[in-house]
Amino acid sequence: MSLVDQSFVGAAAAHLDANVKLGELAQSRGNTAAVRQLGGELMRTQGEFLHELQQLAHSAEWPLPASPTFRRIEIYQHLQHLPADGFDRALLDQLATDLADTVELFRSEAMSGTHISLRAFARRHKRELKREVNALPVDRNPR
């Protein structure tokens, strides 16, 4: 596997796992139905993408990251301890950043990846990822 593809596998797994965890946090701590619903949707879609990537990696014997990065843990803990009145906005801001980064990661692999299965995986899912970015409330203050 090329370095580009190796980098994608590790980064995509880390991003998708982090997005699933943020979805879980949104469901458990969201102050509005919209944020809780978004959390459930993220858990479902990002979880499906992660599962598919894990299957690809397992069948090809590619290594995946064993644990989240320190930065991901720090972000999660920060959000987890925010007061309720600031949680939704901070979570949505973080999701906007993380999902945009994930879209760019998938776009890059779809364009430059060398492994046919990984390129196909990235192409298949980048549209759904873009849709999730576009579904985020623009004002980050859901009602």
Protein backbone atom coordinates (compact mmCIF):
# COMPACT_ATOMS: atom_id res chain seq x y z
CA MET A 1 0.00 0.00 0.00
CA SER A 2 1.29 3.48 -0.86
CA LEU A 3 2.12 6.09 1.78
CA VAL A 4 -0.84 8.17 0.58
CA ASP A 5 -3.20 5.25 1.15
CA GLN A 6 -1.62 4.32 4.50
CA SER A 7 -2.02 7.88 5.67
CA PHE A 8 -5.65 7.93 4.53
CA VAL A 9 -6.55 4.68 6.31
CA GLY A 10 -5.16 5.89 9.64
CA ALA A 11 -6.52 9.42 9.38
CA ALA A 12 -9.94 8.34 8.09
CA ALA A 13 -10.35 5.82 10.91
CA ALA A 14 -9.38 8.45 13.49
CA HIS A 15 -11.71 11.09 12.00
CA LEU A 16 -14.67 8.74 11.68
CA ASP A 17 -14.21 7.41 15.21
CA ALA A 18 -14.00 10.95 16.59
CA ASN A 19 -17.15 11.95 14.68
CA VAL A 20 -19.03 8.94 16.10
CA LYS A 21 -17.96 9.94 19.61
CA LEU A 22 -19.07 13.54 19.02
CA GLY A 23 -22.39 12.15 17.80
CA GLU A 24 -22.74 10.17 21.02
CA LEU A 25 -21.97 13.29 23.01
CA ALA A 26 -24.54 15.27 21.01
CA GLN A 27 -27.18 12.66 21.76
CA SER A 28 -26.45 12.54 25.46
CA ARG A 29 -25.82 16.25 26.13
CA GLY A 30 -27.61 18.12 23.34
CA ASN A 31 -29.99 20.77 24.60
CA THR A 32 -32.19 20.73 21.53
CA ALA A 33 -33.91 18.01 19.59
CA ALA A 34 -32.03 19.14 16.47
CA VAL A 35 -28.63 18.57 18.07
CA ARG A 36 -29.68 15.21 19.51
CA GLN A 37 -31.06 14.15 16.13
CA LEU A 38 -27.87 15.26 14.39
CA GLY A 39 -25.89 13.21 16.92
CA GLY A 40 -27.91 10.11 16.11
CA GLU A 41 -27.45 10.64 12.38
CA LEU A 42 -23.68 11.07 12.80
CA MET A 43 -23.44 7.95 14.92
CA ARG A 44 -25.26 5.99 12.23
CA THR A 45 -23.52 7.29 9.10
CA GLN A 46 -20.02 7.77 10.46
CA GLY A 47 -20.30 4.45 12.29
CA GLU A 48 -21.24 2.69 9.04
CA PHE A 49 -18.32 4.32 7.21
CA LEU A 50 -15.95 3.36 10.03
CA HIS A 51 -17.20 -0.22 10.03
CA GLU A 52 -16.71 -0.48 6.27
CA LEU A 53 -13.19 0.93 6.55
CA GLN A 54 -12.38 -1.49 9.37
CA GLN A 55 -13.56 -4.39 7.20
CA LEU A 56 -11.39 -3.20 4.29
CA ALA A 57 -8.41 -2.82 6.61
CA HIS A 58 -8.94 -6.20 8.22
CA SER A 59 -9.25 -8.07 4.92
CA ALA A 60 -6.11 -6.37 3.58
CA GLU A 61 -4.25 -6.59 6.92
CA TRP A 62 -3.76 -2.82 7.15
CA PRO A 63 -3.09 -1.37 10.60
CA LEU A 64 -5.59 1.01 12.17
CA PRO A 65 -4.97 3.46 15.02
CA ALA A 66 -5.43 1.75 18.37
CA SER A 67 -6.62 4.79 20.30
CA PRO A 68 -7.64 8.41 19.78
CA THR A 69 -4.98 11.10 19.71
CA PHE A 70 -4.34 13.23 22.75
CA ARG A 71 -5.88 16.21 20.92
CA ARG A 72 -9.10 14.27 20.24
CA ILE A 73 -9.35 13.26 23.88
CA GLU A 74 -8.75 16.88 24.92
CA ILE A 75 -11.51 18.16 22.60
CA TYR A 76 -13.97 15.54 23.81
CA GLN A 77 -13.25 16.27 27.47
CA HIS A 78 -13.59 20.01 26.89
CA LEU A 79 -17.01 19.56 25.29
CA GLN A 80 -18.08 17.07 27.92
CA HIS A 81 -17.46 19.57 30.71
CA LEU A 82 -18.99 22.66 29.12
CA PRO A 83 -22.01 24.19 30.82
CA ALA A 84 -25.30 23.26 29.17
CA ASP A 85 -25.95 26.76 27.79
CA GLY A 86 -22.78 26.74 25.67
CA PHE A 87 -22.65 23.09 24.72
CA ASP A 88 -24.69 23.00 21.50
CA ARG A 89 -22.87 25.89 19.87
CA ALA A 90 -19.40 24.59 20.82
CA LEU A 91 -20.28 21.09 19.64
CA LEU A 92 -21.64 22.33 16.31
CA ASP A 93 -18.57 24.51 15.77
CA GLN A 94 -16.32 21.51 16.45
CA LEU A 95 -18.38 19.29 14.15
CA ALA A 96 -18.19 21.89 11.36
CA THR A 97 -14.40 21.85 11.59
CA ASP A 98 -14.08 18.08 11.95
CA LEU A 99 -16.52 17.22 9.16
CA ALA A 100 -14.90 19.71 6.79
CA ASP A 101 -11.52 18.11 7.55
CA THR A 102 -13.00 14.66 6.95
CA VAL A 103 -14.50 15.75 3.62
CA GLU A 104 -11.12 17.08 2.51
CA LEU A 105 -9.42 13.85 3.55
CA PHE A 106 -11.90 11.78 1.54
CA ARG A 107 -11.70 14.15 -1.45
CA SER A 108 -7.92 13.86 -1.49
CA GLU A 109 -8.01 10.05 -1.37
CA ALA A 110 -10.67 9.92 -4.09
CA MET A 111 -8.40 12.01 -6.31
CA SER A 112 -4.91 10.75 -5.39
CA GLY A 113 -5.26 7.35 -3.77
CA THR A 114 -3.59 4.43 -5.50
CA HIS A 115 -5.52 1.52 -3.98
CA ILE A 116 -8.68 0.90 -5.98
CA SER A 117 -10.82 -0.19 -3.00
CA LEU A 118 -9.82 2.83 -0.92
CA ARG A 119 -10.43 5.25 -3.79
CA ALA A 120 -13.86 3.72 -4.34
CA PHE A 121 -14.62 3.92 -0.60
CA ALA A 122 -13.61 7.60 -0.50
CA ARG A 123 -15.62 8.45 -3.63
CA ARG A 124 -18.71 6.66 -2.34
CA HIS A 125 -18.77 8.45 0.98
CA LYS A 126 -17.48 11.97 0.29
CA ARG A 127 -20.91 13.10 -1.00
CA GLU A 128 -22.62 11.94 2.18
CA LEU A 129 -19.96 13.68 4.26
CA LYS A 130 -20.54 16.92 2.32
CA ARG A 131 -24.27 16.56 2.92
CA GLU A 132 -23.63 16.28 6.66
CA VAL A 133 -21.49 19.43 6.61
CA ASN A 134 -24.23 21.29 4.72
CA ALA A 135 -26.88 20.05 7.17
CA LEU A 136 -25.19 21.79 10.12
CA PRO A 137 -27.06 24.89 11.27
CA VAL A 138 -25.41 27.99 9.81
CA ASP A 139 -25.90 30.15 12.91
CA ARG A 140 -24.68 27.30 15.19
CA ASN A 141 -27.46 28.18 17.61
CA PRO A 142 -30.19 25.57 16.95
CA ARG A 143 -33.65 26.14 18.24
